């Protein structure tokens, strides 16, 4: 029976359905689409905004965040790694699948979707149903930390412990992997979105300055850090004075932003330590050599590798191109489906 299914994903798609961004891989082609997980709809409806520029999904919709009139709602349908708005997610997935398939859009693809390791049965069903209603012929699931580990080239099939920490937009996925399976894992709802929120809260408390999620993310990228910098940074931040309700700007320093981020970063470190604490002795011994590999957008935060190395005593490395690790992993699985068959879940059979 397995041999009849080995060609299951031929010419089909792997999807990293992220809280912040969605990436799509096609078998044999690599990543063919990467766009923000954002949709703009007409207020009070689930009808996607459409005009001369096309459907307001992805990058086009993200440009509307914080700038849309009352007649338009700009929605991020994924929250903390799972579907928060079923119908909008379905519309977004349908758009991405059609865009990825191009001329093959009338051939319903088979789809492999990466999901958080802590996802519930109900949340799995929501992902599967959304993908099927968006046009997928069949849906399989893979846990995000496993996809990330494969994507960054960890020896997941060997009898040796490897540790992956994938810090995404909605969740941080922490896992120890050996012999093709996850031995221990932790899924935290503390990741990029929480870091952005921490920056927003700090600026409001310290400066009475209100800024958008998008502005907070930009501050994180420009001057955010998890460890003391050799040369500290600063940037001008523009927003609205929460008392006077007028536009205002302030200059903030990287030391301030680091302090604002630290409580959330410490939660991630505690999650790593908790996972290590549950890991059996022989695998822990392996990790003294193999260390921890960081993936996801959070891996790009300055000094986060040094912070985790300091607090765990293990070697830590940042994966090459960490933002695409999960998506690349789904693509590699599709390219060698027979080798990775045991790590997939057949959507409805897994429920």
C-alpha atoms as a PDB file:
ATOM      1  CA  UNK A   1       0.000   0.000   0.000  1.00  0.00           C
ATOM      2  CA  UNK A   2       2.833   2.404   0.878  1.00  0.00           C
ATOM      3  CA  UNK A   3       4.371   1.949  -2.567  1.00  0.00           C
ATOM      4  CA  UNK A   4       1.106   2.999  -4.199  1.00  0.00           C
ATOM      5  CA  UNK A   5       1.351   6.247  -2.262  1.00  0.00           C
ATOM      6  CA  UNK A   6       5.006   7.114  -2.807  1.00  0.00           C
ATOM      7  CA  UNK A   7       4.139   9.379  -5.709  1.00  0.00           C
ATOM      8  CA  UNK A   8       1.488  11.089  -3.635  1.00  0.00           C
ATOM      9  CA  UNK A   9       3.038  14.530  -3.682  1.00  0.00           C
ATOM     10  CA  UNK A  10       4.294  14.644  -7.278  1.00  0.00           C
ATOM     11  CA  UNK A  11       4.107  18.246  -8.532  1.00  0.00           C
ATOM     12  CA  UNK A  12       2.407  19.259  -5.331  1.00  0.00           C
ATOM     13  CA  UNK A  13       3.008  21.745  -2.529  1.00  0.00           C
ATOM     14  CA  UNK A  14       4.571  22.063   0.898  1.00  0.00           C
ATOM     15  CA  UNK A  15       3.271  24.962   3.001  1.00  0.00           C
ATOM     16  CA  UNK A  16       4.734  26.690   6.039  1.00  0.00           C
ATOM     17  CA  UNK A  17       1.492  28.285   7.219  1.00  0.00           C
ATOM     18  CA  UNK A  18       3.005  30.792   9.615  1.00  0.00           C
ATOM     19  CA  UNK A  19       1.493  33.402  11.884  1.00  0.00           C
ATOM     20  CA  UNK A  20       3.571  36.140  10.263  1.00  0.00           C
ATOM     21  CA  UNK A  21       4.420  34.714   6.837  1.00  0.00           C
ATOM     22  CA  UNK A  22       3.330  31.869   4.582  1.00  0.00           C
ATOM     23  CA  UNK A  23       5.918  30.131   2.397  1.00  0.00           C
ATOM     24  CA  UNK A  24       5.135  27.586  -0.306  1.00  0.00           C
ATOM     25  CA  UNK A  25       7.463  24.973  -1.803  1.00  0.00           C
ATOM     26  CA  UNK A  26       6.823  22.951  -4.954  1.00  0.00           C
ATOM     27  CA  UNK A  27       8.341  19.517  -5.321  1.00  0.00           C
ATOM     28  CA  UNK A  28      11.624  19.782  -7.203  1.00  0.00           C
ATOM     29  CA  UNK A  29      11.412  23.578  -7.424  1.00  0.00           C
ATOM     30  CA  UNK A  30      12.101  24.835  -3.897  1.00  0.00           C
ATOM     31  CA  UNK A  31      10.387  27.900  -2.443  1.00  0.00           C
ATOM     32  CA  UNK A  32       8.140  29.506  -5.027  1.00  0.00           C
ATOM     33  CA  UNK A  33       6.150  31.895  -2.821  1.00  0.00           C
ATOM     34  CA  UNK A  34       6.778  33.860   0.373  1.00  0.00           C
ATOM     35  CA  UNK A  35       4.229  36.419   1.530  1.00  0.00           C
ATOM     36  CA  UNK A  36       2.826  37.850   4.774  1.00  0.00           C
ATOM     37  CA  UNK A  37      -0.109  35.951   6.296  1.00  0.00           C
ATOM     38  CA  UNK A  38      -2.416  38.949   5.944  1.00  0.00           C
ATOM     39  CA  UNK A  39      -5.791  39.429   4.227  1.00  0.00           C
ATOM     40  CA  UNK A  40      -7.883  42.571   3.678  1.00  0.00           C
ATOM     41  CA  UNK A  41     -11.664  42.149   3.536  1.00  0.00           C
ATOM     42  CA  UNK A  42     -14.597  44.512   3.237  1.00  0.00           C
ATOM     43  CA  UNK A  43     -15.823  45.350   6.753  1.00  0.00           C
ATOM     44  CA  UNK A  44     -18.584  43.066   8.017  1.00  0.00           C
ATOM     45  CA  UNK A  45     -17.944  40.466   5.310  1.00  0.00           C
ATOM     46  CA  UNK A  46     -15.458  37.741   4.430  1.00  0.00           C
ATOM     47  CA  UNK A  47     -15.106  39.100   0.895  1.00  0.00           C
ATOM     48  CA  UNK A  48     -11.483  39.806  -0.001  1.00  0.00           C
ATOM     49  CA  UNK A  49     -10.764  43.326  -1.208  1.00  0.00           C
ATOM     50  CA  UNK A  50     -10.022  43.322  -4.924  1.00  0.00           C
ATOM     51  CA  UNK A  51      -9.109  46.139  -7.296  1.00  0.00           C
ATOM     52  CA  UNK A  52      -6.801  46.901 -10.193  1.00  0.00           C
ATOM     53  CA  UNK A  53      -3.828  45.595  -8.197  1.00  0.00           C
ATOM     54  CA  UNK A  54      -5.513  42.242  -7.636  1.00  0.00           C
ATOM     55  CA  UNK A  55      -6.687  40.511  -4.457  1.00  0.00           C
ATOM     56  CA  UNK A  56      -5.572  42.112  -1.190  1.00  0.00           C
ATOM     57  CA  UNK A  57      -3.745  39.097   0.214  1.00  0.00           C
ATOM     58  CA  UNK A  58      -0.144  38.780   1.344  1.00  0.00           C
ATOM     59  CA  UNK A  59       2.230  41.662   0.686  1.00  0.00           C
ATOM     60  CA  UNK A  60      -0.446  43.907  -0.809  1.00  0.00           C
ATOM     61  CA  UNK A  61      -2.666  43.442   2.267  1.00  0.00           C
ATOM     62  CA  UNK A  62       0.234  44.035   4.669  1.00  0.00           C
ATOM     63  CA  UNK A  63       0.773  47.456   3.110  1.00  0.00           C
ATOM     64  CA  UNK A  64      -2.736  48.332   4.335  1.00  0.00           C
ATOM     65  CA  UNK A  65      -2.063  47.480   8.002  1.00  0.00           C
ATOM     66  CA  UNK A  66      -2.796  50.510  10.170  1.00  0.00           C
ATOM     67  CA  UNK A  67      -3.779  52.592   7.148  1.00  0.00           C
ATOM     68  CA  UNK A  68      -7.114  51.165   5.993  1.00  0.00           C
ATOM     69  CA  UNK A  69     -10.410  53.108   6.210  1.00  0.00           C
ATOM     70  CA  UNK A  70     -13.313  51.816   8.312  1.00  0.00           C
ATOM     71  CA  UNK A  71     -14.757  50.104   5.244  1.00  0.00           C
ATOM     72  CA  UNK A  72     -11.817  47.683   5.114  1.00  0.00           C
ATOM     73  CA  UNK A  73     -10.559  45.260   7.773  1.00  0.00           C
ATOM     74  CA  UNK A  74      -6.986  44.028   7.551  1.00  0.00           C
ATOM     75  CA  UNK A  75      -6.765  40.640   9.250  1.00  0.00           C
ATOM     76  CA  UNK A  76      -4.017  38.262  10.276  1.00  0.00           C
ATOM     77  CA  UNK A  77      -6.038  35.013  10.342  1.00  0.00           C
ATOM     78  CA  UNK A  78      -3.288  33.000  12.055  1.00  0.00           C
ATOM     79  CA  UNK A  79      -2.594  33.638  15.736  1.00  0.00           C
ATOM     80  CA  UNK A  80      -0.049  31.852  17.918  1.00  0.00           C
ATOM     81  CA  UNK A  81       0.613  29.320  15.184  1.00  0.00           C
ATOM     82  CA  UNK A  82      -2.988  28.201  14.664  1.00  0.00           C
ATOM     83  CA  UNK A  83      -6.064  29.306  12.741  1.00  0.00           C
ATOM     84  CA  UNK A  84      -7.927  32.137  14.460  1.00  0.00           C
ATOM     85  CA  UNK A  85     -10.299  32.882  11.569  1.00  0.00           C
ATOM     86  CA  UNK A  86     -11.327  29.808   9.587  1.00  0.00           C
ATOM     87  CA  UNK A  87     -12.972  31.481   6.587  1.00  0.00           C
ATOM     88  CA  UNK A  88     -10.265  34.105   6.098  1.00  0.00           C
ATOM     89  CA  UNK A  89      -7.538  31.461   6.364  1.00  0.00           C
ATOM     90  CA  UNK A  90      -9.349  29.442   3.724  1.00  0.00           C
ATOM     91  CA  UNK A  91      -9.463  32.474   1.413  1.00  0.00           C
ATOM     92  CA  UNK A  92      -5.771  33.177   2.032  1.00  0.00           C
ATOM     93  CA  UNK A  93      -4.733  29.578   1.414  1.00  0.00           C
ATOM     94  CA  UNK A  94      -6.833  29.429  -1.738  1.00  0.00           C
ATOM     95  CA  UNK A  95      -5.114  32.547  -3.057  1.00  0.00           C
ATOM     96  CA  UNK A  96      -1.623  31.220  -2.276  1.00  0.00           C
ATOM     97  CA  UNK A  97      -2.372  27.786  -3.750  1.00  0.00           C
ATOM     98  CA  UNK A  98      -3.728  29.326  -6.958  1.00  0.00           C
ATOM     99  CA  UNK A  99      -0.761  31.687  -7.189  1.00  0.00           C
ATOM    100  CA  UNK A 100       1.746  28.897  -6.554  1.00  0.00           C
ATOM    101  CA  UNK A 101       0.137  26.578  -9.075  1.00  0.00           C
ATOM    102  CA  UNK A 102      -0.011  29.192 -11.811  1.00  0.00           C
ATOM    103  CA  UNK A 103      -1.097  27.543 -15.030  1.00  0.00           C
ATOM    104  CA  UNK A 104      -1.765  24.303 -13.139  1.00  0.00           C
ATOM    105  CA  UNK A 105      -4.347  26.008 -10.947  1.00  0.00           C
ATOM    106  CA  UNK A 106      -7.206  23.782 -12.137  1.00  0.00           C
ATOM    107  CA  UNK A 107      -5.268  20.677 -11.084  1.00  0.00           C
ATOM    108  CA  UNK A 108      -6.055  20.395  -7.380  1.00  0.00           C
ATOM    109  CA  UNK A 109      -2.720  19.865  -5.631  1.00  0.00           C
ATOM    110  CA  UNK A 110      -1.824  17.568  -2.787  1.00  0.00           C
ATOM    111  CA  UNK A 111      -0.468  19.593   0.101  1.00  0.00           C
ATOM    112  CA  UNK A 112       1.921  19.036   2.999  1.00  0.00           C
ATOM    113  CA  UNK A 113       1.375  21.564   5.815  1.00  0.00           C
ATOM    114  CA  UNK A 114       3.778  22.236   8.691  1.00  0.00           C
ATOM    115  CA  UNK A 115       1.991  22.677  12.044  1.00  0.00           C
ATOM    116  CA  UNK A 116       3.162  23.434  15.616  1.00  0.00           C
ATOM    117  CA  UNK A 117       4.095  20.392  17.699  1.00  0.00           C
ATOM    118  CA  UNK A 118       1.590  21.397  20.389  1.00  0.00           C
ATOM    119  CA  UNK A 119      -1.383  21.647  18.032  1.00  0.00           C
ATOM    120  CA  UNK A 120      -4.630  20.083  19.249  1.00  0.00           C
ATOM    121  CA  UNK A 121      -6.870  17.653  17.372  1.00  0.00           C
ATOM    122  CA  UNK A 122      -9.414  20.407  16.788  1.00  0.00           C
ATOM    123  CA  UNK A 123      -6.703  22.732  15.445  1.00  0.00           C
ATOM    124  CA  UNK A 124      -5.400  19.982  13.153  1.00  0.00           C
ATOM    125  CA  UNK A 125      -8.880  19.524  11.753  1.00  0.00           C
ATOM    126  CA  UNK A 126      -9.152  23.267  11.113  1.00  0.00           C
ATOM    127  CA  UNK A 127      -5.874  23.263   9.122  1.00  0.00           C
ATOM    128  CA  UNK A 128      -6.893  20.215   7.099  1.00  0.00           C
ATOM    129  CA  UNK A 129     -10.392  21.478   6.358  1.00  0.00           C
ATOM    130  CA  UNK A 130      -9.102  24.926   5.386  1.00  0.00           C
ATOM    131  CA  UNK A 131      -6.550  23.463   2.970  1.00  0.00           C
ATOM    132  CA  UNK A 132      -9.091  21.089   1.435  1.00  0.00           C
ATOM    133  CA  UNK A 133     -11.736  23.779   1.008  1.00  0.00           C
ATOM    134  CA  UNK A 134      -9.053  26.057  -0.468  1.00  0.00           C
ATOM    135  CA  UNK A 135      -8.462  23.537  -3.240  1.00  0.00           C
ATOM    136  CA  UNK A 136      -6.126  20.827  -1.928  1.00  0.00           C
ATOM    137  CA  UNK A 137      -6.941  17.317  -3.092  1.00  0.00           C
ATOM    138  CA  UNK A 138      -5.282  15.677  -0.090  1.00  0.00           C
ATOM    139  CA  UNK A 139      -3.577  17.093   2.987  1.00  0.00           C
ATOM    140  CA  UNK A 140      -0.739  15.694   5.089  1.00  0.00           C
ATOM    141  CA  UNK A 141       0.766  17.280   8.199  1.00  0.00           C
ATOM    142  CA  UNK A 142       4.325  17.528   9.484  1.00  0.00           C
ATOM    143  CA  UNK A 143       5.386  19.002  12.811  1.00  0.00           C
ATOM    144  CA  UNK A 144       7.189  22.324  12.411  1.00  0.00           C
ATOM    145  CA  UNK A 145      10.306  21.440  14.434  1.00  0.00           C
ATOM    146  CA  UNK A 146      10.821  18.288  12.371  1.00  0.00           C
ATOM    147  CA  UNK A 147      10.384  20.240   9.119  1.00  0.00           C
ATOM    148  CA  UNK A 148      12.804  22.907  10.380  1.00  0.00           C
ATOM    149  CA  UNK A 149      15.376  20.298  11.416  1.00  0.00           C
ATOM    150  CA  UNK A 150      15.223  18.685   7.983  1.00  0.00           C
ATOM    151  CA  UNK A 151      15.346  22.104   6.327  1.00  0.00           C
ATOM    152  CA  UNK A 152      18.568  23.099   8.108  1.00  0.00           C
ATOM    153  CA  UNK A 153      20.232  19.757   7.425  1.00  0.00           C
ATOM    154  CA  UNK A 154      20.251  18.153  10.876  1.00  0.00           C
ATOM    155  CA  UNK A 155      20.860  14.347  10.831  1.00  0.00           C
ATOM    156  CA  UNK A 156      17.329  13.563  12.011  1.00  0.00           C
ATOM    157  CA  UNK A 157      17.452   9.881  10.949  1.00  0.00           C
ATOM    158  CA  UNK A 158      20.629   9.031  12.849  1.00  0.00           C
ATOM    159  CA  UNK A 159      20.747   7.519  16.374  1.00  0.00           C
ATOM    160  CA  UNK A 160      22.079  10.802  17.686  1.00  0.00           C
ATOM    161  CA  UNK A 161      20.444  13.699  19.495  1.00  0.00           C
ATOM    162  CA  UNK A 162      19.871  16.957  17.624  1.00  0.00           C
ATOM    163  CA  UNK A 163      18.104  20.007  19.023  1.00  0.00           C
ATOM    164  CA  UNK A 164      16.186  22.569  17.006  1.00  0.00           C
ATOM    165  CA  UNK A 165      14.697  25.822  18.315  1.00  0.00           C
ATOM    166  CA  UNK A 166      12.395  27.400  15.724  1.00  0.00           C
ATOM    167  CA  UNK A 167      11.309  30.882  16.839  1.00  0.00           C
ATOM    168  CA  UNK A 168       8.518  31.922  14.497  1.00  0.00           C
ATOM    169  CA  UNK A 169       5.902  34.649  14.573  1.00  0.00           C
ATOM    170  CA  UNK A 170       3.330  32.962  16.811  1.00  0.00           C
ATOM    171  CA  UNK A 171       5.136  30.060  18.484  1.00  0.00           C
ATOM    172  CA  UNK A 172       8.598  28.934  19.471  1.00  0.00           C
ATOM    173  CA  UNK A 173       9.043  25.241  18.685  1.00  0.00           C
ATOM    174  CA  UNK A 174      11.718  23.430  20.686  1.00  0.00           C
ATOM    175  CA  UNK A 175      12.546  19.777  20.003  1.00  0.00           C
ATOM    176  CA  UNK A 176      15.138  17.087  20.546  1.00  0.00           C
ATOM    177  CA  UNK A 177      15.158  14.676  17.599  1.00  0.00           C
ATOM    178  CA  UNK A 178      16.701  11.207  17.128  1.00  0.00           C
ATOM    179  CA  UNK A 179      16.063   8.261  14.789  1.00  0.00           C
ATOM    180  CA  UNK A 180      13.578  10.153  12.649  1.00  0.00           C
ATOM    181  CA  UNK A 181      11.239  11.232  15.422  1.00  0.00           C
ATOM    182  CA  UNK A 182      10.769  13.928  18.062  1.00  0.00           C
ATOM    183  CA  UNK A 183      11.899  12.586  21.440  1.00  0.00           C
ATOM    184  CA  UNK A 184      11.054  15.641  23.550  1.00  0.00           C
ATOM    185  CA  UNK A 185       9.422  18.898  22.565  1.00  0.00           C
ATOM    186  CA  UNK A 186       7.973  22.149  23.887  1.00  0.00           C
ATOM    187  CA  UNK A 187       5.686  24.517  22.003  1.00  0.00           C
ATOM    188  CA  UNK A 188       5.563  28.040  23.436  1.00  0.00           C
ATOM    189  CA  UNK A 189       3.172  30.814  22.459  1.00  0.00           C
ATOM    190  CA  UNK A 190       6.025  33.255  22.945  1.00  0.00           C
ATOM    191  CA  UNK A 191       7.732  34.298  19.723  1.00  0.00           C
ATOM    192  CA  UNK A 192       8.030  37.197  17.278  1.00  0.00           C
ATOM    193  CA  UNK A 193       4.557  38.626  17.882  1.00  0.00           C
ATOM    194  CA  UNK A 194       5.119  38.645  21.643  1.00  0.00           C
ATOM    195  CA  UNK A 195       8.448  40.438  21.172  1.00  0.00           C
ATOM    196  CA  UNK A 196       6.736  43.072  19.026  1.00  0.00           C
ATOM    197  CA  UNK A 197       4.046  43.490  21.672  1.00  0.00           C
ATOM    198  CA  UNK A 198       6.699  43.942  24.357  1.00  0.00           C
ATOM    199  CA  UNK A 199       8.195  46.818  22.366  1.00  0.00           C
ATOM    200  CA  UNK A 200       4.775  48.431  21.945  1.00  0.00           C
ATOM    201  CA  UNK A 201       4.059  48.175  25.678  1.00  0.00           C
ATOM    202  CA  UNK A 202       7.455  49.576  26.626  1.00  0.00           C
ATOM    203  CA  UNK A 203       7.138  52.648  24.404  1.00  0.00           C
ATOM    204  CA  UNK A 204       3.666  53.380  25.714  1.00  0.00           C
ATOM    205  CA  UNK A 205       4.773  53.052  29.347  1.00  0.00           C
ATOM    206  CA  UNK A 206       8.111  54.860  29.010  1.00  0.00           C
ATOM    207  CA  UNK A 207       7.255  57.545  26.454  1.00  0.00           C
ATOM    208  CA  UNK A 208       3.435  57.635  26.196  1.00  0.00           C
ATOM    209  CA  UNK A 209       3.973  56.741  22.547  1.00  0.00           C
ATOM    210  CA  UNK A 210       1.583  54.481  20.655  1.00  0.00           C
ATOM    211  CA  UNK A 211       2.984  52.578  17.678  1.00  0.00           C
ATOM    212  CA  UNK A 212       1.666  49.833  15.409  1.00  0.00           C
ATOM    213  CA  UNK A 213       2.694  46.164  15.367  1.00  0.00           C
ATOM    214  CA  UNK A 214       4.439  46.834  12.087  1.00  0.00           C
ATOM    215  CA  UNK A 215       6.444  49.712  13.573  1.00  0.00           C
ATOM    216  CA  UNK A 216       7.395  47.576  16.577  1.00  0.00           C
ATOM    217  CA  UNK A 217       8.618  44.828  14.258  1.00  0.00           C
ATOM    218  CA  UNK A 218      10.763  47.348  12.400  1.00  0.00           C
ATOM    219  CA  UNK A 219      12.325  48.559  15.668  1.00  0.00           C
ATOM    220  CA  UNK A 220      13.088  44.932  16.577  1.00  0.00           C
ATOM    221  CA  UNK A 221      14.815  44.442  13.237  1.00  0.00           C
ATOM    222  CA  UNK A 222      16.757  47.715  13.371  1.00  0.00           C
ATOM    223  CA  UNK A 223      18.032  47.757  16.956  1.00  0.00           C
ATOM    224  CA  UNK A 224      16.631  44.717  18.790  1.00  0.00           C
ATOM    225  CA  UNK A 225      19.067  42.430  20.629  1.00  0.00           C
ATOM    226  CA  UNK A 226      19.220  39.673  23.231  1.00  0.00           C
ATOM    227  CA  UNK A 227      22.808  40.258  24.347  1.00  0.00           C
ATOM    228  CA  UNK A 228      24.981  43.297  24.975  1.00  0.00           C
ATOM    229  CA  UNK A 229      26.214  44.733  21.677  1.00  0.00           C
ATOM    230  CA  UNK A 230      29.803  45.771  20.995  1.00  0.00           C
ATOM    231  CA  UNK A 231      28.337  49.023  19.707  1.00  0.00           C
ATOM    232  CA  UNK A 232      24.889  49.924  20.954  1.00  0.00           C
ATOM    233  CA  UNK A 233      22.363  51.303  18.446  1.00  0.00           C
ATOM    234  CA  UNK A 234      19.573  53.857  18.394  1.00  0.00           C
ATOM    235  CA  UNK A 235      16.710  54.797  16.102  1.00  0.00           C
ATOM    236  CA  UNK A 236      14.014  57.437  15.778  1.00  0.00           C
ATOM    237  CA  UNK A 237      10.510  56.124  16.402  1.00  0.00           C
ATOM    238  CA  UNK A 238       7.410  57.910  15.181  1.00  0.00           C
ATOM    239  CA  UNK A 239       3.962  57.358  16.585  1.00  0.00           C
ATOM    240  CA  UNK A 240       1.067  59.024  18.388  1.00  0.00           C
ATOM    241  CA  UNK A 241       1.304  60.642  21.799  1.00  0.00           C
ATOM    242  CA  UNK A 242      -1.163  58.704  23.955  1.00  0.00           C
ATOM    243  CA  UNK A 243      -1.972  61.796  26.048  1.00  0.00           C
ATOM    244  CA  UNK A 244      -2.024  64.627  23.511  1.00  0.00           C
ATOM    245  CA  UNK A 245      -3.203  62.364  20.656  1.00  0.00           C
ATOM    246  CA  UNK A 246      -0.764  64.131  18.323  1.00  0.00           C
ATOM    247  CA  UNK A 247       2.048  62.762  16.168  1.00  0.00           C
ATOM    248  CA  UNK A 248       5.374  62.611  17.989  1.00  0.00           C
ATOM    249  CA  UNK A 249       8.789  61.032  17.648  1.00  0.00           C
ATOM    250  CA  UNK A 250      11.372  59.827  20.167  1.00  0.00           C
ATOM    251  CA  UNK A 251      14.849  58.349  19.927  1.00  0.00           C
ATOM    252  CA  UNK A 252      15.196  54.926  21.584  1.00  0.00           C
ATOM    253  CA  UNK A 253      18.335  52.929  22.316  1.00  0.00           C
ATOM    254  CA  UNK A 254      19.059  49.267  21.833  1.00  0.00           C
ATOM    255  CA  UNK A 255      19.674  48.848  25.584  1.00  0.00           C
ATOM    256  CA  UNK A 256      16.072  49.926  26.239  1.00  0.00           C
ATOM    257  CA  UNK A 257      14.616  47.585  23.664  1.00  0.00           C
ATOM    258  CA  UNK A 258      16.752  44.702  24.950  1.00  0.00           C
ATOM    259  CA  UNK A 259      15.348  45.293  28.430  1.00  0.00           C
ATOM    260  CA  UNK A 260      11.806  45.275  27.044  1.00  0.00           C
ATOM    261  CA  UNK A 261      12.423  42.000  25.199  1.00  0.00           C
ATOM    262  CA  UNK A 262      14.167  40.199  28.033  1.00  0.00           C
ATOM    263  CA  UNK A 263      11.125  38.778  29.918  1.00  0.00           C
ATOM    264  CA  UNK A 264       9.872  37.100  26.727  1.00  0.00           C
ATOM    265  CA  UNK A 265      13.346  35.870  25.759  1.00  0.00           C
ATOM    266  CA  UNK A 266      13.775  34.378  29.228  1.00  0.00           C
ATOM    267  CA  UNK A 267      10.557  32.392  28.722  1.00  0.00           C
ATOM    268  CA  UNK A 268      12.060  30.876  25.577  1.00  0.00           C
ATOM    269  CA  UNK A 269      15.236  29.976  27.461  1.00  0.00           C
ATOM    270  CA  UNK A 270      13.149  28.357  30.207  1.00  0.00           C
ATOM    271  CA  UNK A 271      11.366  26.318  27.534  1.00  0.00           C
ATOM    272  CA  UNK A 272      14.722  25.127  26.196  1.00  0.00           C
ATOM    273  CA  UNK A 273      15.917  24.188  29.681  1.00  0.00           C
ATOM    274  CA  UNK A 274      12.655  22.356  30.413  1.00  0.00           C
ATOM    275  CA  UNK A 275      13.036  20.314  27.223  1.00  0.00           C
ATOM    276  CA  UNK A 276      16.652  19.527  28.090  1.00  0.00           C
ATOM    277  CA  UNK A 277      15.611  18.503  31.605  1.00  0.00           C
ATOM    278  CA  UNK A 278      13.246  15.865  30.152  1.00  0.00           C
ATOM    279  CA  UNK A 279      15.805  14.547  27.667  1.00  0.00           C
ATOM    280  CA  UNK A 280      17.414  11.212  28.480  1.00  0.00           C
ATOM    281  CA  UNK A 281      21.076  11.150  29.472  1.00  0.00           C
ATOM    282  CA  UNK A 282      22.599   9.663  26.297  1.00  0.00           C
ATOM    283  CA  UNK A 283      20.850  12.205  24.077  1.00  0.00           C
ATOM    284  CA  UNK A 284      21.889  15.007  26.416  1.00  0.00           C
ATOM    285  CA  UNK A 285      25.468  13.837  26.051  1.00  0.00           C
ATOM    286  CA  UNK A 286      25.106  14.047  22.254  1.00  0.00           C
ATOM    287  CA  UNK A 287      23.926  17.646  22.554  1.00  0.00           C
ATOM    288  CA  UNK A 288      27.206  18.623  24.203  1.00  0.00           C
ATOM    289  CA  UNK A 289      28.684  18.081  20.729  1.00  0.00           C
ATOM    290  CA  UNK A 290      25.803  18.753  18.324  1.00  0.00           C
ATOM    291  CA  UNK A 291      24.462  21.726  20.301  1.00  0.00           C
ATOM    292  CA  UNK A 292      21.354  23.763  19.495  1.00  0.00           C
ATOM    293  CA  UNK A 293      20.383  25.007  16.034  1.00  0.00           C
ATOM    294  CA  UNK A 294      18.248  28.151  15.788  1.00  0.00           C
ATOM    295  CA  UNK A 295      15.707  28.650  12.999  1.00  0.00           C
ATOM    296  CA  UNK A 296      12.776  30.964  12.290  1.00  0.00           C
ATOM    297  CA  UNK A 297      12.698  34.743  12.134  1.00  0.00           C
ATOM    298  CA  UNK A 298      13.538  35.022  15.834  1.00  0.00           C
ATOM    299  CA  UNK A 299      16.940  33.491  15.139  1.00  0.00           C
ATOM    300  CA  UNK A 300      17.880  36.755  13.418  1.00  0.00           C
ATOM    301  CA  UNK A 301      17.637  38.760  16.649  1.00  0.00           C
ATOM    302  CA  UNK A 302      21.106  40.061  17.455  1.00  0.00           C
ATOM    303  CA  UNK A 303      22.908  38.046  20.121  1.00  0.00           C
ATOM    304  CA  UNK A 304      20.162  35.481  20.739  1.00  0.00           C
ATOM    305  CA  UNK A 305      22.634  32.678  20.001  1.00  0.00           C
ATOM    306  CA  UNK A 306      25.059  34.091  22.582  1.00  0.00           C
ATOM    307  CA  UNK A 307      22.306  34.458  25.173  1.00  0.00           C
ATOM    308  CA  UNK A 308      21.111  30.864  24.783  1.00  0.00           C
ATOM    309  CA  UNK A 309      24.683  29.524  24.791  1.00  0.00           C
ATOM    310  CA  UNK A 310      25.410  31.441  27.993  1.00  0.00           C
ATOM    311  CA  UNK A 311      22.278  30.212  29.754  1.00  0.00           C
ATOM    312  CA  UNK A 312      22.425  26.539  28.653  1.00  0.00           C
ATOM    313  CA  UNK A 313      26.167  25.893  28.395  1.00  0.00           C
ATOM    314  CA  UNK A 314      25.655  24.315  24.966  1.00  0.00           C
ATOM    315  CA  UNK A 315      27.072  25.381  21.594  1.00  0.00           C
ATOM    316  CA  UNK A 316      24.480  27.320  19.605  1.00  0.00           C
ATOM    317  CA  UNK A 317      24.447  28.067  15.886  1.00  0.00           C
ATOM    318  CA  UNK A 318      22.107  30.087  13.722  1.00  0.00           C
ATOM    319  CA  UNK A 319      20.893  28.199  10.640  1.00  0.00           C
ATOM    320  CA  UNK A 320      21.623  29.612   7.220  1.00  0.00           C
ATOM    321  CA  UNK A 321      18.531  31.467   5.996  1.00  0.00           C
ATOM    322  CA  UNK A 322      16.551  30.645   9.165  1.00  0.00           C
ATOM    323  CA  UNK A 323      13.346  32.266   7.882  1.00  0.00           C
ATOM    324  CA  UNK A 324      12.891  29.574   5.231  1.00  0.00           C
ATOM    325  CA  UNK A 325      13.935  26.528   7.284  1.00  0.00           C
ATOM    326  CA  UNK A 326      10.447  25.046   7.767  1.00  0.00           C
ATOM    327  CA  UNK A 327       9.420  25.625   4.151  1.00  0.00           C
ATOM    328  CA  UNK A 328      12.680  24.131   2.850  1.00  0.00           C
ATOM    329  CA  UNK A 329      12.053  21.147   5.096  1.00  0.00           C
ATOM    330  CA  UNK A 330       8.633  20.518   3.567  1.00  0.00           C
ATOM    331  CA  UNK A 331      10.215  20.720   0.124  1.00  0.00           C
ATOM    332  CA  UNK A 332      12.907  18.181   1.029  1.00  0.00           C
ATOM    333  CA  UNK A 333      10.271  15.825   2.406  1.00  0.00           C
ATOM    334  CA  UNK A 334       8.297  16.088  -0.826  1.00  0.00           C
ATOM    335  CA  UNK A 335      11.465  15.398  -2.817  1.00  0.00           C
ATOM    336  CA  UNK A 336      12.092  12.179  -0.867  1.00  0.00           C
ATOM    337  CA  UNK A 337       8.672  11.156   0.374  1.00  0.00           C
ATOM    338  CA  UNK A 338       9.476   7.445   0.753  1.00  0.00           C
ATOM    339  CA  UNK A 339      12.392   8.184   3.112  1.00  0.00           C
ATOM    340  CA  UNK A 340      10.323  10.513   5.300  1.00  0.00           C
ATOM    341  CA  UNK A 341       7.004   8.673   5.155  1.00  0.00           C
ATOM    342  CA  UNK A 342       7.028   7.712   8.845  1.00  0.00           C
ATOM    343  CA  UNK A 343       7.109  11.331  10.067  1.00  0.00           C
ATOM    344  CA  UNK A 344       3.952  12.440   8.214  1.00  0.00           C
ATOM    345  CA  UNK A 345       0.408  12.422   9.467  1.00  0.00           C
ATOM    346  CA  UNK A 346      -2.403  11.628   7.084  1.00  0.00           C
ATOM    347  CA  UNK A 347      -4.763  14.408   8.046  1.00  0.00           C
ATOM    348  CA  UNK A 348      -8.040  12.583   8.743  1.00  0.00           C
ATOM    349  CA  UNK A 349      -6.380   9.312   9.772  1.00  0.00           C
ATOM    350  CA  UNK A 350      -4.399  11.217  12.404  1.00  0.00           C
ATOM    351  CA  UNK A 351      -7.511  12.694  14.005  1.00  0.00           C
END
